[in-house]
C-alpha cells in the first residue's frame, strides 16, 4: 500500500541516479561528490555493461572478456544533474592521483573527453580542485546501493523475486533498515 503525502522529498530519486559515460563529440565537465570511487570487473554483455560475477559467470562461460570500471558520483552545476560517472582503469588513474594528493575525491572538478573524439576513443581526464562551494554540493550517495539499483542486484534491502523479460525483478523493503537477516521475510510479514 503506498504512503501518500503532500510533502515533496528533499531527495526524490532514492537510490537511483543516471549513469553517464564520456560522450564522443563533447567534453563532460563535473565535480565529484563522493569521497572515493569504487570499481569492479565488468563485461559488455547483452548490449550493456554488467558486473563480472564469478564463479558462475555466464559471460565468462560464453567467452566474453572483462575489464575493470570505476564509478563515482558527480554533479554538474550548470545542469544541476547529479549522476554516476563510469570510466575505465586508465581514466580512473587521474582520479586516484587527485585523491592521493588531496585525501578525498569530493570537490575534484574534472573535464573528460575522448581521444580524437572517437566513439570508443580512450577517455582523457583532467582534474583540478574546484572553486565551487563544497557545502552546496549534493550529498554523496551510497555507491554500492546505487550500482545495485542500476544493475538490479540484491542488497540487504533489495532482493530478487524472479525474472521478468530476461531481467531480475526486484523488491525493496520500504523500511530500508536492513535489520532483517533475510529480506524475503518482509514479504511474508506484510499485512
Protein backbone atom coordinates (compact mmCIF):
# COMPACT_ATOMS: atom_id res chain seq x y z
CA UNK A 1 0.00 0.00 0.00
CA UNK A 2 1.55 3.37 -0.96
CA UNK A 3 2.16 6.09 1.59
CA UNK A 4 0.74 9.33 0.18
CA UNK A 5 1.96 12.74 1.29
CA UNK A 6 1.75 16.36 0.22
CA UNK A 7 5.39 16.96 1.27
CA UNK A 8 7.98 16.94 -1.52
CA UNK A 9 11.02 14.85 -0.51
CA UNK A 10 14.41 16.53 -0.28
CA UNK A 11 15.91 13.71 -2.35
CA UNK A 12 13.18 12.29 -4.61
CA UNK A 13 15.39 9.91 -6.57
CA UNK A 14 16.01 7.40 -3.77
CA UNK A 15 18.97 5.19 -4.62
CA UNK A 16 18.68 5.77 -8.35
CA UNK A 17 20.99 8.09 -10.27
CA UNK A 18 21.63 8.18 -14.01
CA UNK A 19 24.83 6.55 -15.22
CA UNK A 20 26.91 8.63 -17.64
CA UNK A 21 29.98 7.81 -19.69
CA UNK A 22 32.17 10.26 -21.54
CA UNK A 23 30.47 11.31 -24.79
CA UNK A 24 32.37 11.11 -28.07
CA UNK A 25 31.93 14.58 -29.53
CA UNK A 26 31.76 16.84 -26.45
CA UNK A 27 33.51 17.30 -23.14
CA UNK A 28 31.94 16.16 -19.90
CA UNK A 29 32.54 18.60 -17.05
CA UNK A 30 31.53 17.91 -13.45
CA UNK A 31 32.54 17.96 -9.79
CA UNK A 32 32.95 14.70 -7.86
CA UNK A 33 30.62 14.44 -4.85
CA UNK A 34 31.80 11.07 -3.50
CA UNK A 35 34.79 10.81 -1.18
CA UNK A 36 36.20 7.88 -3.13
CA UNK A 37 35.48 5.81 -6.19
CA UNK A 38 34.51 2.16 -6.32
CA UNK A 39 35.29 -0.29 -9.06
CA UNK A 40 34.71 -3.81 -10.26
CA UNK A 41 35.37 -6.04 -13.23
CA UNK A 42 32.61 -5.82 -15.83
CA UNK A 43 31.54 -7.43 -19.10
CA UNK A 44 29.89 -5.83 -22.09
CA UNK A 45 27.18 -8.45 -22.33
CA UNK A 46 23.69 -8.39 -23.77
CA UNK A 47 24.16 -4.87 -25.09
CA UNK A 48 25.17 -3.24 -21.82
CA UNK A 49 27.78 -3.26 -19.06
CA UNK A 50 27.16 -5.88 -16.37
CA UNK A 51 29.26 -6.87 -13.34
CA UNK A 52 31.56 -9.89 -13.61
CA UNK A 53 30.11 -12.42 -11.18
CA UNK A 54 32.34 -15.43 -10.53
CA UNK A 55 32.24 -18.38 -10.11
CA UNK A 56 29.17 -18.97 -12.32
CA UNK A 57 29.56 -16.01 -14.67
CA UNK A 58 27.52 -16.63 -17.82
CA UNK A 59 29.50 -14.02 -19.79
CA UNK A 60 32.79 -15.77 -18.92
CA UNK A 61 31.34 -19.16 -19.78
CA UNK A 62 30.46 -17.78 -23.24
CA UNK A 63 33.97 -16.37 -23.77
CA UNK A 64 33.33 -12.68 -23.08
CA UNK A 65 36.36 -10.83 -21.71
CA UNK A 66 36.07 -8.48 -18.77
CA UNK A 67 37.72 -5.26 -17.67
CA UNK A 68 37.68 -3.08 -14.60
CA UNK A 69 35.43 0.00 -14.44
CA UNK A 70 35.33 2.74 -11.80
CA UNK A 71 32.20 4.50 -10.55
CA UNK A 72 31.82 7.75 -8.62
CA UNK A 73 29.07 10.27 -8.01
CA UNK A 74 29.39 13.62 -9.75
CA UNK A 75 27.47 16.88 -10.06
CA UNK A 76 27.22 19.32 -12.94
CA UNK A 77 26.34 22.75 -11.50
CA UNK A 78 25.30 24.07 -14.94
CA UNK A 79 22.63 21.41 -15.49
CA UNK A 80 22.14 20.60 -11.78
CA UNK A 81 22.38 16.91 -12.66
CA UNK A 82 23.73 14.52 -10.01
CA UNK A 83 24.92 11.33 -11.70
CA UNK A 84 27.24 8.33 -11.59
CA UNK A 85 30.29 8.60 -13.84
CA UNK A 86 31.72 5.37 -15.27
CA UNK A 87 35.27 5.14 -16.59
CA UNK A 88 37.98 2.57 -17.22
CA UNK A 89 41.02 1.97 -15.02
CA UNK A 90 43.16 4.13 -17.32
CA UNK A 91 40.92 7.16 -16.83
CA UNK A 92 40.37 6.41 -13.13
CA UNK A 93 44.12 6.69 -12.50
CA UNK A 94 43.82 10.51 -12.70
CA UNK A 95 41.11 10.43 -10.03
CA UNK A 96 43.33 8.22 -7.84
CA UNK A 97 46.18 10.72 -8.20
CA UNK A 98 43.86 13.55 -7.15
CA UNK A 99 42.53 11.51 -4.20
CA UNK A 100 46.03 10.66 -3.01
CA UNK A 101 47.14 14.30 -3.22
CA UNK A 102 44.01 15.77 -1.56
CA UNK A 103 42.92 12.86 0.69
CA UNK A 104 39.43 12.91 -0.92
CA UNK A 105 37.79 12.99 -4.33
CA UNK A 106 34.96 15.25 -3.16
CA UNK A 107 35.49 18.63 -4.78
CA UNK A 108 37.55 17.28 -7.68
CA UNK A 109 36.49 19.28 -10.73
CA UNK A 110 37.21 17.40 -13.92
CA UNK A 111 36.93 17.55 -17.67
CA UNK A 112 36.62 14.26 -19.55
CA UNK A 113 36.92 13.87 -23.30
CA UNK A 114 37.64 11.12 -25.79
CA UNK A 115 40.90 10.93 -27.70
CA UNK A 116 40.36 12.08 -31.32
CA UNK A 117 36.64 12.42 -30.50
CA UNK A 118 36.19 8.77 -31.47
CA UNK A 119 33.16 6.91 -30.09
CA UNK A 120 35.36 4.27 -28.45
CA UNK A 121 38.39 6.51 -28.03
CA UNK A 122 40.40 6.48 -24.85
CA UNK A 123 38.95 8.75 -22.16
CA UNK A 124 41.29 11.55 -21.05
CA UNK A 125 40.68 13.14 -17.64
CA UNK A 126 41.99 16.48 -16.36
CA UNK A 127 41.43 17.13 -12.63
CA UNK A 128 41.67 20.37 -10.62
CA UNK A 129 40.37 21.41 -7.20
CA UNK A 130 37.04 23.19 -7.53
CA UNK A 131 36.28 26.76 -6.54
CA UNK A 132 32.62 25.74 -6.14
CA UNK A 133 31.29 25.87 -2.57
CA UNK A 134 31.64 22.27 -1.32
CA UNK A 135 28.76 22.74 1.13
CA UNK A 136 26.48 23.43 -1.86
CA UNK A 137 27.31 20.07 -3.47
CA UNK A 138 24.65 17.37 -3.07
CA UNK A 139 25.44 14.68 -0.51
CA UNK A 140 27.24 11.67 -1.88
CA UNK A 141 25.04 8.59 -2.27
CA UNK A 142 25.98 5.09 -1.19
CA UNK A 143 27.67 4.00 -4.41
CA UNK A 144 27.19 0.27 -3.80
CA UNK A 145 23.43 0.77 -3.36
CA UNK A 146 23.18 2.98 -6.44
CA UNK A 147 25.04 0.43 -8.58
CA UNK A 148 22.86 -2.36 -7.16
CA UNK A 149 19.78 -0.45 -8.36
CA UNK A 150 21.33 0.21 -11.80
CA UNK A 151 22.38 -3.43 -12.20
CA UNK A 152 19.31 -4.83 -10.43
CA UNK A 153 21.39 -6.63 -7.82
CA UNK A 154 20.10 -7.71 -4.42
CA UNK A 155 21.19 -5.73 -1.35
CA UNK A 156 20.15 -6.10 2.30
CA UNK A 157 17.01 -4.07 1.50
CA UNK A 158 16.50 -5.22 -2.10
CA UNK A 159 16.11 -8.79 -3.25
CA UNK A 160 15.44 -10.63 -6.49
CA UNK A 161 11.95 -12.08 -6.78
CA UNK A 162 12.17 -13.83 -10.11
CA UNK A 163 12.96 -12.86 -13.68
CA UNK A 164 10.80 -10.76 -15.98
CA UNK A 165 11.67 -10.34 -19.68
CA UNK A 166 15.17 -11.64 -19.03
CA UNK A 167 15.89 -9.16 -16.22
CA UNK A 168 15.74 -9.69 -12.48
CA UNK A 169 12.54 -8.39 -10.87
CA UNK A 170 13.47 -6.79 -7.57
CA UNK A 171 11.51 -5.91 -4.46
CA UNK A 172 12.57 -3.45 -1.79
CA UNK A 173 11.86 -3.34 1.93
CA UNK A 174 10.25 0.11 2.32
CA UNK A 175 11.58 0.38 5.86
CA UNK A 176 15.07 0.32 4.37
CA UNK A 177 16.76 -0.51 7.66
CA UNK A 178 18.31 -3.82 6.59
CA UNK A 179 17.67 -5.30 10.03
CA UNK A 180 16.13 -8.49 8.68
CA UNK A 181 18.64 -11.28 8.22
CA UNK A 182 16.66 -12.45 5.19
CA UNK A 183 14.86 -9.58 3.45
CA UNK A 184 12.40 -12.02 1.89
CA UNK A 185 10.92 -12.39 5.38
CA UNK A 186 9.35 -8.99 4.83
CA UNK A 187 7.11 -10.33 2.06
CA UNK A 188 5.60 -12.91 4.45
CA UNK A 189 5.06 -10.30 7.20
CA UNK A 190 3.01 -7.92 5.03
CA UNK A 191 -0.49 -7.19 6.36
